[in-house]
Amino acid sequence: MEIDRAGLAEFLRTRREALQPEDVGLPRGQRRRTSGLRREEVALLCHMSTDYYSRLERERGPQPSEQMIASIAQGLHLSLIERDHLFRLAGHQPPARWSSGDHIAPGMLRIFDRLGDTPAEIVTELGETLRQTPMGVALTGDTTRFTGPSRSIGYRWFTDPASRNLYAEEDHALLSRLWTSGLREISTLRGPGSRAAAYVELLLAQSEEFRELWSRHEVGVRPREVKRFVNAQVGELELSCQVLVDPIQSHSLLVYTAQPGSESADKLALLQVIGAEDLVAATRPEDGDTALG
């Protein structure tokens, strides 16, 4: 397939101009003249340079890679149909549609973008974190950084002992059963050749605990209504987890809240302050650095 530069540029412009800052979780600002998003705002959302994105809208530059197009589709909050159209305009075959892909539905993203002060994350059916709010990162650390099978919390649970430090020790036995039961259900649903089935084979080869639990053929294990997290900075928190499910992509938006007036609510408030301070520290120039205008 050949790239349709004019069609690609026009499609990007119209989708950019149709979005408002509040649609994607950005502040509007006081002196705003553009009707939609600015190019630099889209570039920020798509994790690319403003110059690179601007050249696409001006029908210039090299053909964008499939990875770049996927990032643009997510940054512009495109639907799956719009994403596929964008791929074709860029001269690529659209990715195969399958449950639990990484493209998040626009509606779920709109909700997620409004949860900046709440611990929340979007995960696949295999427990792979796609997005976290800043408070989500403060609570559990950055779980989007993992690659390969380690993206799945269930896989990490049986292969990385440090992953268990986030949860109260008394809950470990239940969580082991939970991940095993869930993986059995998903691998049966998706069938041989699926990513879930591949994870089963890997864990059977690597974890004696998983092999023992797998041999029980247990299904239907579900989490408790209140989850207990152990945070290195504020200690143990008891949080309710509300779940919003996208049945098309099999993604779940998990939102964690504490009972008002509880000790856990106070710890969440403290964690928000600590997280904000850490963010400022991370973006502060080191001694000897200079700001570039």
Protein backbone atom coordinates (compact mmCIF):
# COMPACT_ATOMS: atom_id res chain seq x y z
CA MET A 1 0.00 0.00 0.00
CA GLU A 2 1.16 3.54 -0.76
CA ILE A 3 0.83 6.45 1.60
CA ASP A 4 -1.93 8.96 0.77
CA ARG A 5 -0.18 12.10 1.98
CA ALA A 6 -2.99 14.51 1.19
CA GLY A 7 -5.65 12.26 2.68
CA LEU A 8 -3.52 11.59 5.77
CA ALA A 9 -2.86 15.28 6.33
CA GLU A 10 -6.51 16.24 5.97
CA PHE A 11 -7.70 13.44 8.25
CA LEU A 12 -5.22 14.43 10.96
CA ARG A 13 -6.21 18.09 10.73
CA THR A 14 -9.93 17.44 10.97
CA ARG A 15 -9.55 15.06 13.92
CA ARG A 16 -7.23 17.47 15.73
CA GLU A 17 -9.57 20.41 15.23
CA ALA A 18 -12.54 18.37 16.47
CA LEU A 19 -10.93 17.78 19.87
CA GLN A 20 -10.97 20.23 22.77
CA PRO A 21 -8.30 20.23 25.52
CA GLU A 22 -10.80 19.03 28.11
CA ASP A 23 -11.62 16.05 25.84
CA VAL A 24 -8.11 14.69 26.34
CA GLY A 25 -7.37 15.81 29.90
CA LEU A 26 -5.41 18.97 29.03
CA PRO A 27 -5.93 22.44 30.54
CA ARG A 28 -7.61 24.94 28.22
CA GLY A 29 -5.66 28.05 29.22
CA GLN A 30 -6.92 31.64 29.05
CA ARG A 31 -5.65 32.93 25.71
CA ARG A 32 -6.78 30.18 23.40
CA ARG A 33 -7.58 31.10 19.80
CA THR A 34 -7.51 27.76 17.99
CA SER A 35 -10.83 25.93 17.69
CA GLY A 36 -9.37 22.53 18.54
CA LEU A 37 -6.09 21.15 19.79
CA ARG A 38 -2.77 22.74 18.88
CA ARG A 39 -0.23 20.67 16.98
CA GLU A 40 2.13 20.72 19.95
CA GLU A 41 -0.64 19.34 22.16
CA VAL A 42 -1.29 16.45 19.78
CA ALA A 43 2.44 15.77 19.58
CA LEU A 44 2.56 15.60 23.39
CA LEU A 45 -0.35 13.16 23.48
CA CYS A 46 1.27 11.02 20.79
CA HIS A 47 4.75 11.02 22.38
CA MET A 48 6.50 12.55 19.39
CA SER A 49 8.08 15.86 18.44
CA THR A 50 5.93 18.75 17.27
CA ASP A 51 8.06 19.04 14.14
CA TYR A 52 7.46 15.41 13.21
CA TYR A 53 3.70 15.67 13.66
CA SER A 54 3.51 19.03 11.87
CA ARG A 55 5.24 17.60 8.81
CA LEU A 56 2.56 14.93 8.53
CA GLU A 57 -0.14 17.60 8.44
CA ARG A 58 1.86 19.45 5.78
CA GLU A 59 2.20 16.34 3.56
CA ARG A 60 5.95 16.12 4.20
CA GLY A 61 8.45 13.86 5.88
CA PRO A 62 9.06 10.09 5.69
CA GLN A 63 6.31 7.52 5.79
CA PRO A 64 5.35 7.06 9.46
CA SER A 65 5.89 3.62 10.93
CA GLU A 66 3.06 1.42 12.16
CA GLN A 67 4.14 2.18 15.73
CA MET A 68 3.88 5.92 15.08
CA ILE A 69 0.44 5.56 13.50
CA ALA A 70 -0.77 3.51 16.46
CA SER A 71 0.48 6.22 18.82
CA ILE A 72 -1.26 8.94 16.80
CA ALA A 73 -4.51 6.97 16.72
CA GLN A 74 -4.44 6.66 20.51
CA GLY A 75 -3.40 10.27 21.05
CA LEU A 76 -6.27 11.54 18.89
CA HIS A 77 -8.73 9.25 20.71
CA LEU A 78 -9.75 7.51 17.48
CA SER A 79 -12.28 4.70 17.35
CA LEU A 80 -11.19 1.34 15.95
CA ILE A 81 -12.77 2.16 12.58
CA GLU A 82 -10.98 5.53 12.50
CA ARG A 83 -7.72 3.88 13.56
CA ASP A 84 -7.95 1.36 10.71
CA HIS A 85 -8.66 4.20 8.25
CA LEU A 86 -5.61 6.08 9.51
CA PHE A 87 -3.40 3.03 8.98
CA ARG A 88 -4.57 2.69 5.39
CA LEU A 89 -3.99 6.39 4.69
CA ALA A 90 -0.44 5.97 5.98
CA GLY A 91 0.14 3.02 3.64
CA HIS A 92 -0.12 0.21 6.23
CA GLN A 93 -2.46 -2.69 6.77
CA PRO A 94 -4.51 -2.13 9.95
CA PRO A 95 -3.63 -4.35 12.91
CA ALA A 96 -5.76 -7.45 13.30
CA ARG A 97 -8.68 -6.83 15.60
CA TRP A 98 -8.63 -9.10 18.60
CA SER A 99 -9.84 -8.87 22.13
CA SER A 100 -7.47 -7.22 24.58
CA GLY A 101 -5.45 -5.33 22.00
CA ASP A 102 -3.70 -2.19 23.17
CA HIS A 103 -5.94 0.39 21.47
CA ILE A 104 -8.15 1.97 24.13
CA ALA A 105 -11.70 3.05 23.23
CA PRO A 106 -12.21 6.85 23.13
CA GLY A 107 -15.07 6.71 25.64
CA MET A 108 -12.92 4.92 28.19
CA LEU A 109 -10.09 7.38 27.63
CA ARG A 110 -12.42 10.34 28.18
CA ILE A 111 -13.40 8.95 31.58
CA PHE A 112 -9.80 8.10 32.44
CA ASP A 113 -8.60 11.61 31.55
CA ARG A 114 -10.90 13.05 34.23
CA LEU A 115 -9.42 10.95 37.03
CA GLY A 116 -6.15 12.81 37.53
CA ASP A 117 -6.50 13.01 41.32
CA THR A 118 -7.61 9.37 41.74
CA PRO A 119 -5.63 6.11 41.59
CA ALA A 120 -6.82 4.47 38.37
CA GLU A 121 -5.52 2.29 35.57
CA ILE A 122 -6.64 0.71 32.32
CA VAL A 123 -5.67 -2.96 31.97
CA THR A 124 -6.18 -5.76 29.47
CA GLU A 125 -7.88 -9.03 30.34
CA LEU A 126 -4.42 -10.44 31.07
CA GLY A 127 -3.63 -7.73 33.61
CA GLU A 128 -1.35 -5.72 31.31
CA THR A 129 -1.41 -2.04 32.31
CA LEU A 130 -2.02 0.32 29.38
CA ARG A 131 -2.51 3.59 31.23
CA GLN A 132 -2.12 4.86 34.81
CA THR A 133 -3.11 8.13 36.39
CA PRO A 134 -0.37 9.95 38.35
CA MET A 135 -2.02 8.73 41.56
CA GLY A 136 -2.06 5.22 40.15
CA VAL A 137 1.71 5.43 39.65
CA ALA A 138 2.11 6.83 43.18
CA LEU A 139 0.15 3.86 44.56
CA THR A 140 1.71 0.92 42.73
CA GLY A 141 4.66 2.32 40.78
CA ASP A 142 4.84 2.55 36.98
CA THR A 143 3.44 -0.77 35.79
CA THR A 144 3.35 0.35 32.13
CA ARG A 145 7.14 0.02 31.91
CA PHE A 146 7.18 -3.76 31.61
CA THR A 147 7.66 -5.56 28.29
CA GLY A 148 6.93 -9.05 27.00
CA PRO A 149 5.12 -11.50 29.29
CA SER A 150 6.13 -9.39 32.29
CA ARG A 151 3.51 -6.86 31.23
CA SER A 152 0.96 -9.20 32.84
CA ILE A 153 0.61 -8.85 36.59
CA GLY A 154 -0.35 -12.53 36.78
CA TYR A 155 2.86 -13.55 35.05
CA ARG A 156 4.95 -11.28 37.30
CA TRP A 157 3.19 -12.70 40.36
CA PHE A 158 4.71 -16.14 39.77
CA THR A 159 8.07 -15.09 38.30
CA ASP A 160 9.06 -11.93 40.18
CA PRO A 161 8.85 -12.18 44.00
CA ALA A 162 9.15 -8.39 44.34
CA SER A 163 5.75 -7.96 42.66
CA ARG A 164 4.09 -9.41 45.76
CA ASN A 165 5.40 -6.62 47.97
CA LEU A 166 2.52 -4.39 46.79
CA TYR A 167 -0.07 -6.57 48.50
CA ALA A 168 -0.74 -7.58 52.10
CA GLU A 169 0.95 -10.92 52.82
CA GLU A 170 -2.28 -12.40 54.19
CA ASP A 171 -3.83 -11.99 50.73
CA HIS A 172 -1.05 -13.72 48.78
CA ALA A 173 -2.64 -17.17 48.77
CA LEU A 174 -5.95 -15.82 47.46
CA LEU A 175 -4.20 -13.74 44.81
CA SER A 176 -2.24 -16.77 43.59
CA ARG A 177 -5.52 -18.64 43.15
CA LEU A 178 -7.11 -15.56 41.55
CA TRP A 179 -4.45 -15.14 38.84
CA THR A 180 -4.40 -18.88 38.10
CA SER A 181 -8.17 -19.12 37.87
CA GLY A 182 -8.39 -16.04 35.66
CA LEU A 183 -5.70 -17.25 33.30
CA ARG A 184 -7.45 -20.63 32.97
CA GLU A 185 -10.72 -18.92 32.05
CA ILE A 186 -9.11 -16.57 29.52
CA SER A 187 -6.90 -19.21 27.90
CA THR A 188 -9.94 -21.45 27.47
CA LEU A 189 -11.93 -18.56 26.01
CA ARG A 190 -9.20 -17.47 23.58
CA GLY A 191 -8.00 -20.96 22.72
CA PRO A 192 -4.68 -22.48 21.58
CA GLY A 193 -2.27 -20.03 20.00
CA SER A 194 -3.52 -17.12 22.08
CA ARG A 195 -1.27 -14.97 24.24
CA ALA A 196 -3.07 -16.35 27.29
CA ALA A 197 -2.20 -19.91 26.25
CA ALA A 198 1.43 -18.89 25.75
CA TYR A 199 1.53 -17.46 29.28
CA VAL A 200 0.19 -20.74 30.64
CA GLU A 201 2.99 -22.69 28.97
CA LEU A 202 5.63 -20.28 30.26
CA LEU A 203 4.34 -20.41 33.83
CA LEU A 204 4.00 -24.19 33.83
CA ALA A 205 7.68 -24.35 32.92
CA GLN A 206 8.84 -21.71 35.40
CA SER A 207 6.72 -21.87 38.57
CA GLU A 208 6.12 -24.86 40.81
CA GLU A 209 3.42 -22.93 42.68
CA PHE A 210 1.59 -22.22 39.43
CA ARG A 211 1.83 -25.87 38.36
CA GLU A 212 0.26 -27.00 41.64
CA LEU A 213 -2.58 -24.46 41.42
CA TRP A 214 -3.14 -25.18 37.72
CA SER A 215 -3.62 -28.86 38.48
CA ARG A 216 -6.65 -27.98 40.63
CA HIS A 217 -8.63 -26.75 37.57
CA GLU A 218 -10.15 -24.03 39.73
CA VAL A 219 -12.27 -21.35 38.02
CA GLY A 220 -14.50 -18.56 39.24
CA VAL A 221 -12.18 -17.13 41.90
CA ARG A 222 -12.96 -13.43 42.27
CA PRO A 223 -11.24 -10.61 44.21
CA ARG A 224 -12.53 -9.23 47.48
CA GLU A 225 -14.49 -5.97 47.36
CA VAL A 226 -11.73 -4.23 49.32
CA LYS A 227 -8.13 -4.56 48.14
CA ARG A 228 -5.20 -4.11 50.50
CA PHE A 229 -2.12 -2.42 49.06
CA VAL A 230 1.23 -1.95 50.77
CA ASN A 231 2.87 1.30 49.68
CA ALA A 232 6.51 1.95 50.52
CA GLN A 233 5.79 5.56 51.53
CA VAL A 234 2.49 5.44 53.43
CA GLY A 235 2.09 1.80 54.43
CA GLU A 236 -1.02 -0.37 54.06
CA LEU A 237 -4.17 1.01 52.43
CA GLU A 238 -7.62 -0.57 52.13
CA LEU A 239 -9.23 0.56 48.88
CA SER A 240 -12.45 -0.28 47.09
CA CYS A 241 -12.06 -1.07 43.40
CA GLN A 242 -14.75 -0.01 40.91
CA VAL A 243 -14.49 -1.56 37.45
CA LEU A 244 -15.71 -0.28 34.08
CA VAL A 245 -15.41 -2.89 31.30
CA ASP A 246 -15.12 -2.33 27.55
CA PRO A 247 -16.58 -5.59 26.14
CA ILE A 248 -15.20 -4.98 22.64
CA GLN A 249 -11.53 -4.69 23.58
CA SER A 250 -11.85 -6.57 26.90
CA HIS A 251 -10.21 -3.66 28.70
CA SER A 252 -11.06 -2.69 32.27
CA LEU A 253 -10.82 0.72 33.90
CA LEU A 254 -10.00 0.17 37.57
CA VAL A 255 -10.68 3.05 39.97
CA TYR A 256 -9.49 2.83 43.56
CA THR A 257 -11.17 4.83 46.34
CA ALA A 258 -10.98 4.92 50.12
CA GLN A 259 -13.88 5.22 52.55
CA PRO A 260 -14.25 8.90 53.51
CA GLY A 261 -12.82 9.68 56.92
CA SER A 262 -10.83 6.45 57.09
CA GLU A 263 -7.13 6.07 57.76
CA SER A 264 -6.70 4.91 54.17
CA ALA A 265 -8.34 8.14 52.92
CA ASP A 266 -5.79 10.14 54.92
CA LYS A 267 -2.97 8.04 53.47
CA LEU A 268 -4.24 8.59 49.92
CA ALA A 269 -4.28 12.35 50.54
CA LEU A 270 -0.69 12.14 51.81
CA LEU A 271 0.30 10.01 48.83
CA GLN A 272 -1.07 12.67 46.49
CA VAL A 273 1.15 15.30 48.13
CA ILE A 274 4.19 13.01 48.00
CA GLY A 275 3.48 12.14 44.37
CA ALA A 276 3.26 15.83 43.42
CA GLU A 277 6.55 16.54 45.19
CA ASP A 278 8.24 13.63 43.42
CA LEU A 279 6.99 14.91 40.06
CA VAL A 280 8.39 18.38 40.73
CA ALA A 281 11.71 16.88 41.81
CA ALA A 282 11.86 14.72 38.69
CA THR A 283 11.34 17.72 36.39
CA ARG A 284 13.64 20.14 38.28
CA PRO A 285 16.89 20.88 36.37
CA GLU A 286 20.03 19.42 37.91
CA ASP A 287 22.76 21.74 39.12
CA GLY A 288 24.56 23.14 36.12
CA ASP A 289 21.66 22.53 33.75
CA THR A 290 20.24 25.46 31.85
CA ALA A 291 16.72 25.97 30.65
CA LEU A 292 16.31 26.15 26.91
CA GLY A 293 13.84 28.70 25.67
